[in-house]
Amino acid sequence: MWLQFLHLISYGILLGSQVFQTFFNGILAYKGLSRPFFGVHQGAIFPVYFSLQSFLPVLVALTGAQKNQSMSPLNVLTPLYWCMTAVSTAGLINLIIFRPLTQEAVKARNQQGNGHHKLVRSPFNTKDRQTSPIFVSREKKILDRRFMYIHATSICINIGGLLATIQYGTSLAKLLD
């Protein structure tokens, strides 16, 4: 009974953390925090999140064996274990590869100067408060594009992990019938 309880709790924490980080935490922090505080927030959250995404699937897989199953190589090759392998791999790729790449890109962008995304209110048109972008150098645009590709790839990997977690959940729900 304790093994099944640990299995459900670890799966619930995995799915809950993925949904919260993907759809709520990052979006709310981006909207609510200034850019420097947002960067500090993300720098503190993502190592923990990617670590959870890397290691919780292992716990889910280890505690998910049925009463009449063992952890033999044949049982490990079932689709349920492949889902957890995909989730763990997604977390490890983000933790080991894309997090350092993102940090490097952010550091390079910050060295180019701040304020490149801010909009300045035009002092000449106060009626409708139109805005105009601050000048952005060619180097800054290249760094921004590099960051965008790294970040987008990391997001796609994260979404893939989330979909694999949901697939595992649907397979788990079939066992309840």
N, C-alpha and C. Protein backbone atom coordinates (compact mmCIF):
# COMPACT_ATOMS: atom_id res chain seq x y z
N MET A 1 0.81 -1.19 0.00
CA MET A 1 0.00 0.00 0.00
C MET A 1 0.86 1.27 0.00
N TRP A 2 1.96 1.27 0.77
CA TRP A 2 2.81 2.45 0.83
C TRP A 2 3.48 2.73 -0.50
N LEU A 3 3.80 1.68 -1.22
CA LEU A 3 4.43 1.85 -2.52
C LEU A 3 3.48 2.53 -3.51
N GLN A 4 2.23 2.10 -3.52
CA GLN A 4 1.23 2.72 -4.39
C GLN A 4 0.97 4.17 -3.98
N PHE A 5 0.93 4.41 -2.66
CA PHE A 5 0.74 5.77 -2.16
C PHE A 5 1.89 6.67 -2.61
N LEU A 6 3.13 6.20 -2.47
CA LEU A 6 4.29 6.96 -2.90
C LEU A 6 4.26 7.19 -4.41
N HIS A 7 3.77 6.19 -5.14
CA HIS A 7 3.65 6.32 -6.59
C HIS A 7 2.68 7.45 -6.96
N LEU A 8 1.50 7.46 -6.36
CA LEU A 8 0.52 8.50 -6.67
C LEU A 8 0.98 9.88 -6.23
N ILE A 9 1.59 9.97 -5.06
CA ILE A 9 2.08 11.26 -4.58
C ILE A 9 3.18 11.80 -5.49
N SER A 10 4.12 10.96 -5.87
CA SER A 10 5.21 11.42 -6.73
C SER A 10 4.69 11.81 -8.11
N TYR A 11 3.72 11.04 -8.64
CA TYR A 11 3.13 11.42 -9.93
C TYR A 11 2.37 12.74 -9.80
N GLY A 12 1.63 12.91 -8.72
CA GLY A 12 0.87 14.15 -8.51
C GLY A 12 1.78 15.36 -8.39
N ILE A 13 2.88 15.22 -7.67
CA ILE A 13 3.83 16.33 -7.54
C ILE A 13 4.44 16.65 -8.90
N LEU A 14 4.79 15.61 -9.65
CA LEU A 14 5.38 15.82 -10.98
C LEU A 14 4.41 16.56 -11.89
N LEU A 15 3.20 16.05 -12.02
CA LEU A 15 2.23 16.69 -12.90
C LEU A 15 1.88 18.10 -12.42
N GLY A 16 1.66 18.25 -11.12
CA GLY A 16 1.31 19.55 -10.57
C GLY A 16 2.40 20.59 -10.78
N SER A 17 3.65 20.20 -10.56
CA SER A 17 4.74 21.16 -10.75
C SER A 17 4.90 21.53 -12.22
N GLN A 18 4.70 20.57 -13.11
CA GLN A 18 4.81 20.86 -14.54
C GLN A 18 3.72 21.82 -14.99
N VAL A 19 2.49 21.56 -14.60
CA VAL A 19 1.37 22.42 -15.00
C VAL A 19 1.55 23.81 -14.40
N PHE A 20 1.88 23.88 -13.11
CA PHE A 20 2.03 25.18 -12.46
C PHE A 20 3.15 25.99 -13.09
N GLN A 21 4.32 25.38 -13.31
CA GLN A 21 5.44 26.12 -13.88
C GLN A 21 5.17 26.52 -15.32
N THR A 22 4.55 25.64 -16.08
CA THR A 22 4.34 25.90 -17.50
C THR A 22 3.27 26.97 -17.75
N PHE A 23 2.17 26.89 -17.01
CA PHE A 23 1.03 27.75 -17.33
C PHE A 23 0.77 28.89 -16.35
N PHE A 24 1.38 28.87 -15.18
CA PHE A 24 1.07 29.90 -14.19
C PHE A 24 2.28 30.67 -13.71
N ASN A 25 3.25 29.98 -13.14
CA ASN A 25 4.36 30.64 -12.45
C ASN A 25 5.13 31.60 -13.36
N GLY A 26 5.61 31.11 -14.48
CA GLY A 26 6.39 31.96 -15.37
C GLY A 26 5.61 33.13 -15.91
N ILE A 27 4.37 32.89 -16.29
CA ILE A 27 3.54 33.96 -16.86
C ILE A 27 3.23 35.03 -15.82
N LEU A 28 2.84 34.60 -14.63
CA LEU A 28 2.52 35.56 -13.57
C LEU A 28 3.76 36.34 -13.13
N ALA A 29 4.89 35.68 -13.03
CA ALA A 29 6.12 36.36 -12.64
C ALA A 29 6.54 37.36 -13.72
N TYR A 30 6.40 36.99 -14.99
CA TYR A 30 6.77 37.89 -16.08
C TYR A 30 5.91 39.15 -16.06
N LYS A 31 4.63 38.97 -15.79
CA LYS A 31 3.72 40.11 -15.76
C LYS A 31 3.86 40.95 -14.50
N GLY A 32 4.21 40.31 -13.38
CA GLY A 32 4.18 41.01 -12.10
C GLY A 32 5.50 41.53 -11.58
N LEU A 33 6.62 41.03 -12.10
CA LEU A 33 7.91 41.44 -11.59
C LEU A 33 8.66 42.29 -12.61
N SER A 34 9.50 43.18 -12.11
CA SER A 34 10.36 43.94 -13.01
C SER A 34 11.39 42.98 -13.60
N ARG A 35 12.02 43.38 -14.68
CA ARG A 35 12.95 42.49 -15.39
C ARG A 35 14.06 41.96 -14.49
N PRO A 36 14.75 42.79 -13.67
CA PRO A 36 15.81 42.21 -12.82
C PRO A 36 15.27 41.19 -11.82
N PHE A 37 14.13 41.48 -11.19
CA PHE A 37 13.56 40.54 -10.23
C PHE A 37 13.04 39.28 -10.92
N PHE A 38 12.52 39.43 -12.13
CA PHE A 38 12.06 38.27 -12.89
C PHE A 38 13.24 37.34 -13.18
N GLY A 39 14.37 37.91 -13.58
CA GLY A 39 15.56 37.11 -13.85
C GLY A 39 16.06 36.37 -12.62
N VAL A 40 16.05 37.05 -11.47
CA VAL A 40 16.47 36.41 -10.22
C VAL A 40 15.49 35.28 -9.86
N HIS A 41 14.19 35.57 -10.02
CA HIS A 41 13.15 34.57 -9.73
C HIS A 41 13.33 33.33 -10.60
N GLN A 42 13.48 33.53 -11.89
CA GLN A 42 13.64 32.40 -12.81
C GLN A 42 14.93 31.63 -12.51
N GLY A 43 16.00 32.35 -12.17
CA GLY A 43 17.26 31.70 -11.85
C GLY A 43 17.18 30.83 -10.61
N ALA A 44 16.28 31.19 -9.69
CA ALA A 44 16.11 30.40 -8.48
C ALA A 44 15.15 29.23 -8.70
N ILE A 45 14.15 29.41 -9.53
CA ILE A 45 13.10 28.40 -9.73
C ILE A 45 13.55 27.26 -10.63
N PHE A 46 14.19 27.58 -11.75
CA PHE A 46 14.42 26.56 -12.76
C PHE A 46 15.37 25.43 -12.37
N PRO A 47 16.43 25.66 -11.60
CA PRO A 47 17.24 24.50 -11.20
C PRO A 47 16.41 23.49 -10.39
N VAL A 48 15.57 23.98 -9.50
CA VAL A 48 14.73 23.09 -8.70
C VAL A 48 13.70 22.40 -9.59
N TYR A 49 13.06 23.16 -10.46
CA TYR A 49 12.04 22.59 -11.35
C TYR A 49 12.62 21.53 -12.28
N PHE A 50 13.74 21.83 -12.93
CA PHE A 50 14.34 20.86 -13.84
C PHE A 50 14.85 19.63 -13.08
N SER A 51 15.32 19.82 -11.85
CA SER A 51 15.75 18.67 -11.05
C SER A 51 14.56 17.78 -10.70
N LEU A 52 13.45 18.41 -10.29
CA LEU A 52 12.23 17.63 -10.02
C LEU A 52 11.78 16.89 -11.27
N GLN A 53 11.80 17.58 -12.41
CA GLN A 53 11.37 16.98 -13.67
C GLN A 53 12.32 15.85 -14.10
N SER A 54 13.55 15.88 -13.63
CA SER A 54 14.51 14.84 -13.99
C SER A 54 14.40 13.60 -13.11
N PHE A 55 14.15 13.82 -11.81
CA PHE A 55 14.27 12.71 -10.86
C PHE A 55 12.94 12.15 -10.36
N LEU A 56 11.88 12.94 -10.34
CA LEU A 56 10.58 12.40 -9.94
C LEU A 56 10.08 11.30 -10.87
N PRO A 57 10.28 11.39 -12.18
CA PRO A 57 9.85 10.28 -13.05
C PRO A 57 10.53 8.96 -12.71
N VAL A 58 11.76 9.02 -12.22
CA VAL A 58 12.45 7.79 -11.81
C VAL A 58 11.72 7.19 -10.62
N LEU A 59 11.33 8.03 -9.66
CA LEU A 59 10.58 7.55 -8.50
C LEU A 59 9.22 6.99 -8.93
N VAL A 60 8.57 7.68 -9.86
CA VAL A 60 7.28 7.21 -10.37
C VAL A 60 7.46 5.83 -11.02
N ALA A 61 8.48 5.68 -11.84
CA ALA A 61 8.71 4.40 -12.53
C ALA A 61 9.07 3.29 -11.53
N LEU A 62 9.88 3.60 -10.55
CA LEU A 62 10.29 2.57 -9.58
C LEU A 62 9.15 2.13 -8.68
N THR A 63 8.24 3.03 -8.39
CA THR A 63 7.12 2.69 -7.50
C THR A 63 5.89 2.23 -8.28
N GLY A 64 5.97 2.24 -9.59
CA GLY A 64 4.80 1.93 -10.41
C GLY A 64 4.62 0.48 -10.79
N ALA A 65 5.52 -0.38 -10.39
CA ALA A 65 5.38 -1.80 -10.74
C ALA A 65 4.13 -2.38 -10.08
N GLN A 66 3.38 -3.15 -10.83
CA GLN A 66 2.18 -3.80 -10.30
C GLN A 66 2.58 -4.95 -9.38
N LYS A 67 1.62 -5.45 -8.63
CA LYS A 67 1.91 -6.51 -7.65
C LYS A 67 2.54 -7.74 -8.31
N ASN A 68 2.08 -8.09 -9.48
CA ASN A 68 2.58 -9.30 -10.12
C ASN A 68 3.65 -8.99 -11.17
N GLN A 69 4.21 -7.77 -11.12
CA GLN A 69 5.28 -7.40 -12.03
C GLN A 69 6.57 -7.21 -11.25
N SER A 70 7.65 -7.32 -11.95
CA SER A 70 8.94 -7.00 -11.35
C SER A 70 9.58 -5.92 -12.21
N MET A 71 10.73 -5.45 -11.79
CA MET A 71 11.45 -4.44 -12.58
C MET A 71 12.36 -5.12 -13.60
N SER A 72 11.91 -6.23 -14.16
CA SER A 72 12.72 -6.93 -15.15
C SER A 72 12.81 -6.10 -16.43
N PRO A 73 13.82 -6.34 -17.25
CA PRO A 73 13.97 -5.55 -18.48
C PRO A 73 12.73 -5.58 -19.37
N LEU A 74 12.01 -6.68 -19.41
CA LEU A 74 10.82 -6.74 -20.25
C LEU A 74 9.73 -5.80 -19.75
N ASN A 75 9.54 -5.72 -18.44
CA ASN A 75 8.52 -4.83 -17.90
C ASN A 75 8.93 -3.36 -18.01
N VAL A 76 10.22 -3.09 -17.97
CA VAL A 76 10.69 -1.71 -18.08
C VAL A 76 10.45 -1.18 -19.49
N LEU A 77 10.28 -2.05 -20.46
CA LEU A 77 10.07 -1.62 -21.84
C LEU A 77 8.60 -1.31 -22.14
N THR A 78 7.73 -1.34 -21.16
CA THR A 78 6.32 -1.05 -21.40
C THR A 78 6.15 0.44 -21.69
N PRO A 79 5.08 0.82 -22.37
CA PRO A 79 4.85 2.23 -22.70
C PRO A 79 4.80 3.15 -21.49
N LEU A 80 4.33 2.64 -20.34
CA LEU A 80 4.28 3.49 -19.15
C LEU A 80 5.67 3.93 -18.73
N TYR A 81 6.62 3.03 -18.81
CA TYR A 81 7.99 3.39 -18.43
C TYR A 81 8.63 4.30 -19.48
N TRP A 82 8.25 4.13 -20.73
CA TRP A 82 8.78 5.01 -21.76
C TRP A 82 8.33 6.45 -21.53
N CYS A 83 7.10 6.63 -21.07
CA CYS A 83 6.63 7.99 -20.77
C CYS A 83 7.49 8.64 -19.71
N MET A 84 7.76 7.91 -18.63
CA MET A 84 8.57 8.47 -17.55
C MET A 84 10.02 8.68 -17.97
N THR A 85 10.50 7.82 -18.86
CA THR A 85 11.85 8.01 -19.41
C THR A 85 11.91 9.29 -20.23
N ALA A 86 10.87 9.55 -21.02
CA ALA A 86 10.82 10.78 -21.82
C ALA A 86 10.79 12.02 -20.93
N VAL A 87 10.01 11.97 -19.86
CA VAL A 87 9.91 13.11 -18.94
C VAL A 87 11.26 13.36 -18.27
N SER A 88 11.87 12.31 -17.78
CA SER A 88 13.16 12.45 -17.11
C SER A 88 14.23 12.98 -18.07
N THR A 89 14.21 12.48 -19.29
CA THR A 89 15.16 12.93 -20.30
C THR A 89 14.94 14.40 -20.62
N ALA A 90 13.69 14.82 -20.74
CA ALA A 90 13.39 16.24 -21.00
C ALA A 90 13.93 17.12 -19.88
N GLY A 91 13.72 16.70 -18.64
CA GLY A 91 14.23 17.47 -17.52
C GLY A 91 15.75 17.54 -17.51
N LEU A 92 16.40 16.41 -17.79
CA LEU A 92 17.87 16.39 -17.81
C LEU A 92 18.43 17.25 -18.93
N ILE A 93 17.80 17.20 -20.10
CA ILE A 93 18.27 18.03 -21.23
C ILE A 93 18.15 19.51 -20.86
N ASN A 94 17.02 19.89 -20.27
CA ASN A 94 16.86 21.28 -19.87
C ASN A 94 17.84 21.67 -18.76
N LEU A 95 18.05 20.78 -17.81
CA LEU A 95 18.94 21.07 -16.68
C LEU A 95 20.40 21.16 -17.11
N ILE A 96 20.84 20.21 -17.91
CA ILE A 96 22.26 20.09 -18.24
C ILE A 96 22.67 20.91 -19.47
N ILE A 97 21.77 21.01 -20.45
CA ILE A 97 22.14 21.67 -21.71
C ILE A 97 21.53 23.07 -21.82
N PHE A 98 20.21 23.16 -21.74
CA PHE A 98 19.56 24.43 -22.06
C PHE A 98 19.61 25.47 -20.95
N ARG A 99 19.66 25.06 -19.72
CA ARG A 99 19.79 26.06 -18.64
C ARG A 99 21.12 26.80 -18.75
N PRO A 100 22.27 26.09 -18.89
CA PRO A 100 23.53 26.83 -19.07
C PRO A 100 23.56 27.68 -20.33
N LEU A 101 22.97 27.17 -21.42
CA LEU A 101 22.92 27.98 -22.66
C LEU A 101 22.10 29.25 -22.45
N THR A 102 20.99 29.11 -21.75
CA THR A 102 20.15 30.27 -21.46
C THR A 102 20.89 31.27 -20.59
N GLN A 103 21.58 30.78 -19.57
CA GLN A 103 22.34 31.67 -18.69
C GLN A 103 23.40 32.44 -19.47
N GLU A 104 24.10 31.76 -20.37
CA GLU A 104 25.11 32.42 -21.19
C GLU A 104 24.49 33.49 -22.08
N ALA A 105 23.36 33.16 -22.69
CA ALA A 105 22.68 34.11 -23.57
C ALA A 105 22.20 35.33 -22.79
N VAL A 106 21.64 35.12 -21.61
CA VAL A 106 21.17 36.24 -20.78
C VAL A 106 22.35 37.11 -20.36
N LYS A 107 23.44 36.48 -19.96
CA LYS A 107 24.63 37.24 -19.55
C LYS A 107 25.15 38.09 -20.71
N ALA A 108 25.21 37.51 -21.90
CA ALA A 108 25.67 38.26 -23.08
C ALA A 108 24.72 39.41 -23.40
N ARG A 109 23.42 39.17 -23.28
CA ARG A 109 22.44 40.24 -23.53
C ARG A 109 22.60 41.37 -22.51
N ASN A 110 22.80 41.01 -21.26
CA ASN A 110 22.94 42.02 -20.21
C ASN A 110 24.20 42.85 -20.39
N GLN A 111 25.25 42.24 -20.94
CA GLN A 111 26.48 42.98 -21.20
C GLN A 111 26.30 44.01 -22.30
N GLN A 112 25.33 43.79 -23.17
CA GLN A 112 25.05 44.74 -24.25
C GLN A 112 24.28 45.95 -23.75
N GLY A 113 23.70 45.88 -22.56
CA GLY A 113 22.95 47.00 -22.01
C GLY A 113 21.51 46.64 -21.78
N ASN A 114 20.88 47.38 -20.90
CA ASN A 114 19.48 47.12 -20.54
C ASN A 114 18.55 48.05 -21.30
N GLY A 115 17.28 47.76 -21.21
CA GLY A 115 16.25 48.64 -21.76
C GLY A 115 15.87 48.39 -23.18
N HIS A 116 16.39 47.32 -23.80
CA HIS A 116 16.13 47.12 -25.22
C HIS A 116 14.68 46.75 -25.51
N HIS A 117 13.95 46.25 -24.54
CA HIS A 117 12.55 45.89 -24.79
C HIS A 117 11.58 46.95 -24.28
N LYS A 118 12.08 47.93 -23.58
CA LYS A 118 11.20 48.93 -23.02
C LYS A 118 10.70 49.85 -24.12
N LEU A 119 9.52 50.35 -23.94
CA LEU A 119 8.96 51.31 -24.87
C LEU A 119 8.94 52.67 -24.20
N VAL A 120 9.27 53.70 -24.98
CA VAL A 120 9.34 55.06 -24.45
C VAL A 120 8.12 55.82 -24.92
N ARG A 121 7.48 56.49 -24.00
CA ARG A 121 6.33 57.32 -24.38
C ARG A 121 6.83 58.51 -25.19
N SER A 122 6.16 58.77 -26.27
CA SER A 122 6.53 59.90 -27.11
C SER A 122 6.10 61.20 -26.44
N PRO A 123 7.05 62.12 -26.23
CA PRO A 123 6.69 63.38 -25.58
C PRO A 123 5.88 64.30 -26.50
N PHE A 124 5.85 63.98 -27.80
CA PHE A 124 5.17 64.84 -28.76
C PHE A 124 3.72 64.48 -28.98
N ASN A 125 3.31 63.32 -28.56
CA ASN A 125 1.94 62.89 -28.79
C ASN A 125 1.35 62.41 -27.47
N THR A 126 0.85 63.33 -26.68
CA THR A 126 0.34 62.98 -25.36
C THR A 126 -1.11 62.54 -25.39
N LYS A 127 -1.80 62.78 -26.52
CA LYS A 127 -3.22 62.40 -26.59
C LYS A 127 -3.41 60.90 -26.52
N ASP A 128 -2.80 60.19 -27.44
CA ASP A 128 -3.03 58.74 -27.47
C ASP A 128 -1.82 57.95 -26.95
N ARG A 129 -0.84 58.64 -26.41
CA ARG A 129 0.30 58.00 -25.77
C ARG A 129 0.93 56.89 -26.62
N GLN A 130 1.19 57.19 -27.86
CA GLN A 130 1.87 56.21 -28.69
C GLN A 130 3.27 55.96 -28.16
N THR A 131 3.78 54.81 -28.41
CA THR A 131 5.11 54.46 -27.93
C THR A 131 6.02 54.14 -29.09
N SER A 132 7.31 54.33 -28.86
CA SER A 132 8.28 53.99 -29.89
C SER A 132 9.41 53.21 -29.23
N PRO A 133 9.95 52.21 -29.93
CA PRO A 133 10.99 51.39 -29.31
C PRO A 133 12.31 52.15 -29.22
N ILE A 134 13.10 51.80 -28.20
CA ILE A 134 14.44 52.33 -28.06
C ILE A 134 15.32 51.68 -29.12
N PHE A 135 16.33 52.39 -29.58
CA PHE A 135 17.25 51.85 -30.58
C PHE A 135 17.88 50.56 -30.07
N VAL A 136 17.94 49.54 -30.93
CA VAL A 136 18.55 48.26 -30.59
C VAL A 136 19.67 47.99 -31.59
N SER A 137 20.86 47.73 -31.06
CA SER A 137 22.00 47.49 -31.93
C SER A 137 21.86 46.14 -32.66
N ARG A 138 22.63 45.98 -33.71
CA ARG A 138 22.61 44.73 -34.48
C ARG A 138 23.06 43.56 -33.60
N GLU A 139 24.10 43.78 -32.79
CA GLU A 139 24.60 42.73 -31.90
C GLU A 139 23.54 42.31 -30.89
N LYS A 140 22.81 43.31 -30.39
CA LYS A 140 21.76 43.01 -29.40
C LYS A 140 20.64 42.19 -30.05
N LYS A 141 20.29 42.51 -31.28
CA LYS A 141 19.26 41.75 -31.99
C LYS A 141 19.70 40.30 -32.20
N ILE A 142 20.97 40.09 -32.52
CA ILE A 142 21.49 38.74 -32.70
C ILE A 142 21.43 37.97 -31.38
N LEU A 143 21.82 38.63 -30.30
CA LEU A 143 21.77 37.98 -28.98
C LEU A 143 20.33 37.69 -28.57
N ASP A 144 19.43 38.62 -28.88
CA ASP A 144 18.02 38.39 -28.57
C ASP A 144 17.47 37.20 -29.34
N ARG A 145 17.84 37.10 -30.60
CA ARG A 145 17.38 35.99 -31.42
C ARG A 145 17.96 34.66 -30.91
N ARG A 146 19.22 34.66 -30.51
CA ARG A 146 19.83 33.45 -29.96
C ARG A 146 19.10 33.02 -28.69
N PHE A 147 18.84 33.98 -27.80
CA PHE A 147 18.11 33.67 -26.58
C PHE A 147 16.72 33.12 -26.91
N MET A 148 16.05 33.74 -27.87
CA MET A 148 14.70 33.32 -28.25
C MET A 148 14.70 31.86 -28.73
N TYR A 149 15.67 31.47 -29.55
CA TYR A 149 15.73 30.09 -30.06
C TYR A 149 16.03 29.10 -28.93
N ILE A 150 16.96 29.45 -28.06
CA ILE A 150 17.28 28.57 -26.94
C ILE A 150 16.07 28.41 -26.04
N HIS A 151 15.44 29.52 -25.71
CA HIS A 151 14.28 29.50 -24.82
C HIS A 151 13.12 28.73 -25.45
N ALA A 152 12.86 28.95 -26.73
CA ALA A 152 11.76 28.26 -27.42
C ALA A 152 12.01 26.75 -27.47
N THR A 153 13.25 26.36 -27.69
CA THR A 153 13.58 24.93 -27.73
C THR A 153 13.37 24.31 -26.35
N SER A 154 13.79 25.02 -25.31
CA SER A 154 13.58 24.54 -23.95
C SER A 154 12.09 24.40 -23.64
N ILE A 155 11.30 25.37 -24.08
CA ILE A 155 9.85 25.31 -23.86
C ILE A 155 9.25 24.10 -24.58
N CYS A 156 9.68 23.85 -25.81
CA CYS A 156 9.16 22.68 -26.55
C CYS A 156 9.52 21.38 -25.86
N ILE A 157 10.73 21.29 -25.34
CA ILE A 157 11.14 20.09 -24.61
C ILE A 157 10.29 19.94 -23.36
N ASN A 158 10.06 21.05 -22.67
CA ASN A 158 9.23 21.03 -21.46
C ASN A 158 7.80 20.60 -21.77
N ILE A 159 7.23 21.11 -22.83
CA ILE A 159 5.88 20.72 -23.24
C ILE A 159 5.84 19.24 -23.60
N GLY A 160 6.88 18.75 -24.26
CA GLY A 160 6.95 17.32 -24.57
C GLY A 160 6.96 16.48 -23.30
N GLY A 161 7.70 16.92 -22.29
CA GLY A 161 7.70 16.23 -21.00
C GLY A 161 6.33 16.26 -20.34
N LEU A 162 5.67 17.41 -20.42
CA LEU A 162 4.33 17.53 -19.85
C LEU A 162 3.34 16.60 -20.56
N LEU A 163 3.42 16.53 -21.89
CA LEU A 163 2.53 15.63 -22.64
C LEU A 163 2.79 14.17 -22.30
N ALA A 164 4.06 13.81 -22.11
CA ALA A 164 4.38 12.44 -21.71
C ALA A 164 3.84 12.13 -20.31
N THR A 165 3.89 13.13 -19.42
CA THR A 165 3.33 12.94 -18.08
C THR A 165 1.82 12.75 -18.15
N ILE A 166 1.16 13.53 -18.99
CA ILE A 166 -0.29 13.40 -19.15
C ILE A 166 -0.63 12.04 -19.76
N GLN A 167 0.15 11.60 -20.75
CA GLN A 167 -0.06 10.28 -21.35
C GLN A 167 0.06 9.19 -20.30
N TYR A 168 1.06 9.31 -19.44
CA TYR A 168 1.22 8.34 -18.36
C TYR A 168 -0.02 8.36 -17.47
N GLY A 169 -0.52 9.55 -17.16
CA GLY A 169 -1.72 9.66 -16.32
C GLY A 169 -2.94 9.02 -16.94
N THR A 170 -3.10 9.16 -18.24
CA THR A 170 -4.25 8.52 -18.90
C THR A 170 -4.11 7.00 -18.86
N SER A 171 -2.86 6.51 -19.02
CA SER A 171 -2.64 5.07 -18.92
C SER A 171 -2.87 4.59 -17.48
N LEU A 172 -2.49 5.39 -16.53
CA LEU A 172 -2.69 5.05 -15.12
C LEU A 172 -4.19 5.02 -14.79
N ALA A 173 -4.92 5.97 -15.37
CA ALA A 173 -6.37 6.01 -15.11
C ALA A 173 -7.08 4.77 -15.67
N LYS A 174 -6.58 4.23 -16.77
CA LYS A 174 -7.18 3.00 -17.34
C LYS A 174 -7.04 1.83 -16.39
N LEU A 175 -6.00 1.84 -15.57
CA LEU A 175 -5.80 0.75 -14.61
C LEU A 175 -6.82 0.81 -13.48
N LEU A 176 -7.45 1.96 -13.28
CA LEU A 176 -8.42 2.10 -12.21
C LEU A 176 -9.78 1.49 -12.55
N ASP A 177 -10.01 1.22 -13.83
CA ASP A 177 -11.31 0.64 -14.24
C ASP A 177 -11.46 -0.78 -13.81
